């Protein structure tokens, strides 16, 4: 089972692309290390205070994939540097 999510985040403290990328690198690398997911910025690469993150989890059972993805999203939402605007999930 494959579970996919797109998460839109606002980064109000970023005043340049360099600051935005520092926040992204830190949060994405910590999420990759902690959870069994693939994660990457998929949109708004040239916008300072906004990003869209794509997260994918593959597992043999739907519940396991959904649980891992939910934990990863919760972890991303816990970072104080940004706020989640929208989350869209899809099962493939």
C-alpha atoms as a PDB file:
ATOM      1  CA  UNK A   1       0.000   0.000   0.000  1.00  0.00           C
ATOM      2  CA  UNK A   2       1.239   3.479  -0.863  1.00  0.00           C
ATOM      3  CA  UNK A   3       0.069   6.521   1.069  1.00  0.00           C
ATOM      4  CA  UNK A   4       0.923   9.986  -0.237  1.00  0.00           C
ATOM      5  CA  UNK A   5       0.456  13.408   1.326  1.00  0.00           C
ATOM      6  CA  UNK A   6       1.075  16.984   0.249  1.00  0.00           C
ATOM      7  CA  UNK A   7       1.495  19.496   3.064  1.00  0.00           C
ATOM      8  CA  UNK A   8       1.549  23.254   2.586  1.00  0.00           C
ATOM      9  CA  UNK A   9       3.553  25.223   5.144  1.00  0.00           C
ATOM     10  CA  UNK A  10       4.054  28.906   5.849  1.00  0.00           C
ATOM     11  CA  UNK A  11       7.477  29.962   7.152  1.00  0.00           C
ATOM     12  CA  UNK A  12       6.880  33.456   8.606  1.00  0.00           C
ATOM     13  CA  UNK A  13      10.415  33.857   9.995  1.00  0.00           C
ATOM     14  CA  UNK A  14      12.135  33.334   6.616  1.00  0.00           C
ATOM     15  CA  UNK A  15      13.253  36.566   4.988  1.00  0.00           C
ATOM     16  CA  UNK A  16      15.304  34.975   2.209  1.00  0.00           C
ATOM     17  CA  UNK A  17      15.575  31.728   0.283  1.00  0.00           C
ATOM     18  CA  UNK A  18      18.690  30.927   2.319  1.00  0.00           C
ATOM     19  CA  UNK A  19      16.729  31.114   5.595  1.00  0.00           C
ATOM     20  CA  UNK A  20      13.888  29.059   4.106  1.00  0.00           C
ATOM     21  CA  UNK A  21      16.282  26.346   2.911  1.00  0.00           C
ATOM     22  CA  UNK A  22      17.916  26.184   6.347  1.00  0.00           C
ATOM     23  CA  UNK A  23      14.529  25.487   7.941  1.00  0.00           C
ATOM     24  CA  UNK A  24      13.668  22.947   5.237  1.00  0.00           C
ATOM     25  CA  UNK A  25      16.964  21.096   5.460  1.00  0.00           C
ATOM     26  CA  UNK A  26      16.729  20.787   9.235  1.00  0.00           C
ATOM     27  CA  UNK A  27      13.103  19.632   9.364  1.00  0.00           C
ATOM     28  CA  UNK A  28      13.210  17.294   6.364  1.00  0.00           C
ATOM     29  CA  UNK A  29      16.424  15.559   7.426  1.00  0.00           C
ATOM     30  CA  UNK A  30      15.115  14.985  10.962  1.00  0.00           C
ATOM     31  CA  UNK A  31      11.871  13.555   9.592  1.00  0.00           C
ATOM     32  CA  UNK A  32      13.728  11.215   7.197  1.00  0.00           C
ATOM     33  CA  UNK A  33      15.890   9.940  10.057  1.00  0.00           C
ATOM     34  CA  UNK A  34      13.007   9.349  12.437  1.00  0.00           C
ATOM     35  CA  UNK A  35      10.330   7.871  10.132  1.00  0.00           C
ATOM     36  CA  UNK A  36      10.191   5.377   7.275  1.00  0.00           C
ATOM     37  CA  UNK A  37       9.070   7.920   4.654  1.00  0.00           C
ATOM     38  CA  UNK A  38      10.384   9.663   1.570  1.00  0.00           C
ATOM     39  CA  UNK A  39      10.013  13.429   1.790  1.00  0.00           C
ATOM     40  CA  UNK A  40      10.869  16.375  -0.434  1.00  0.00           C
ATOM     41  CA  UNK A  41       9.895  19.948  -1.283  1.00  0.00           C
ATOM     42  CA  UNK A  42       7.702  19.723  -4.390  1.00  0.00           C
ATOM     43  CA  UNK A  43       6.439  23.283  -4.945  1.00  0.00           C
ATOM     44  CA  UNK A  44       7.163  26.945  -4.169  1.00  0.00           C
ATOM     45  CA  UNK A  45      10.948  26.479  -4.367  1.00  0.00           C
ATOM     46  CA  UNK A  46      11.472  30.151  -5.279  1.00  0.00           C
ATOM     47  CA  UNK A  47       9.094  31.645  -2.684  1.00  0.00           C
ATOM     48  CA  UNK A  48      10.601  32.759   0.630  1.00  0.00           C
ATOM     49  CA  UNK A  49       7.828  32.044   3.096  1.00  0.00           C
ATOM     50  CA  UNK A  50       5.897  29.160   1.594  1.00  0.00           C
ATOM     51  CA  UNK A  51       6.592  25.539   0.731  1.00  0.00           C
ATOM     52  CA  UNK A  52       4.782  22.377  -0.276  1.00  0.00           C
ATOM     53  CA  UNK A  53       6.201  19.111   1.025  1.00  0.00           C
ATOM     54  CA  UNK A  54       5.469  15.715  -0.552  1.00  0.00           C
ATOM     55  CA  UNK A  55       5.602  12.683   1.748  1.00  0.00           C
ATOM     56  CA  UNK A  56       5.286   9.042   0.667  1.00  0.00           C
ATOM     57  CA  UNK A  57       5.132   5.884   2.737  1.00  0.00           C
ATOM     58  CA  UNK A  58       5.105   2.349   1.357  1.00  0.00           C
ATOM     59  CA  UNK A  59       4.080  -0.608   3.522  1.00  0.00           C
ATOM     60  CA  UNK A  60       2.512  -4.024   3.139  1.00  0.00           C
ATOM     61  CA  UNK A  61      -0.619  -2.947   5.002  1.00  0.00           C
ATOM     62  CA  UNK A  62      -2.693   0.209   4.604  1.00  0.00           C
ATOM     63  CA  UNK A  63      -2.924   0.802   8.357  1.00  0.00           C
ATOM     64  CA  UNK A  64       0.835   0.655   8.825  1.00  0.00           C
ATOM     65  CA  UNK A  65       1.489   3.107   5.985  1.00  0.00           C
ATOM     66  CA  UNK A  66      -1.233   5.464   7.196  1.00  0.00           C
ATOM     67  CA  UNK A  67       0.073   5.362  10.773  1.00  0.00           C
ATOM     68  CA  UNK A  68       3.668   6.096   9.723  1.00  0.00           C
ATOM     69  CA  UNK A  69       2.570   8.976   7.489  1.00  0.00           C
ATOM     70  CA  UNK A  70       0.375  10.434  10.245  1.00  0.00           C
ATOM     71  CA  UNK A  71       3.273  10.328  12.707  1.00  0.00           C
ATOM     72  CA  UNK A  72       5.604  11.988  10.184  1.00  0.00           C
ATOM     73  CA  UNK A  73       3.091  14.787   9.520  1.00  0.00           C
ATOM     74  CA  UNK A  74       2.607  15.294  13.251  1.00  0.00           C
ATOM     75  CA  UNK A  75       6.371  15.542  13.638  1.00  0.00           C
ATOM     76  CA  UNK A  76       6.543  18.172  10.877  1.00  0.00           C
ATOM     77  CA  UNK A  77       3.732  20.162  12.477  1.00  0.00           C
ATOM     78  CA  UNK A  78       5.597  20.217  15.800  1.00  0.00           C
ATOM     79  CA  UNK A  79       8.385  22.466  14.496  1.00  0.00           C
ATOM     80  CA  UNK A  80       7.854  26.058  15.686  1.00  0.00           C
ATOM     81  CA  UNK A  81       9.583  27.589  12.642  1.00  0.00           C
ATOM     82  CA  UNK A  82       6.562  27.048  10.407  1.00  0.00           C
ATOM     83  CA  UNK A  83       2.826  26.475  10.436  1.00  0.00           C
ATOM     84  CA  UNK A  84       0.795  23.986   8.436  1.00  0.00           C
ATOM     85  CA  UNK A  85      -1.736  25.558   6.064  1.00  0.00           C
ATOM     86  CA  UNK A  86      -3.189  22.489   4.335  1.00  0.00           C
ATOM     87  CA  UNK A  87      -2.768  18.693   4.136  1.00  0.00           C
ATOM     88  CA  UNK A  88      -4.010  16.484   1.305  1.00  0.00           C
ATOM     89  CA  UNK A  89      -3.753  12.680   1.530  1.00  0.00           C
ATOM     90  CA  UNK A  90      -4.177  10.022  -1.119  1.00  0.00           C
ATOM     91  CA  UNK A  91      -4.023   6.232  -1.082  1.00  0.00           C
ATOM     92  CA  UNK A  92      -2.587   4.504  -4.141  1.00  0.00           C
END
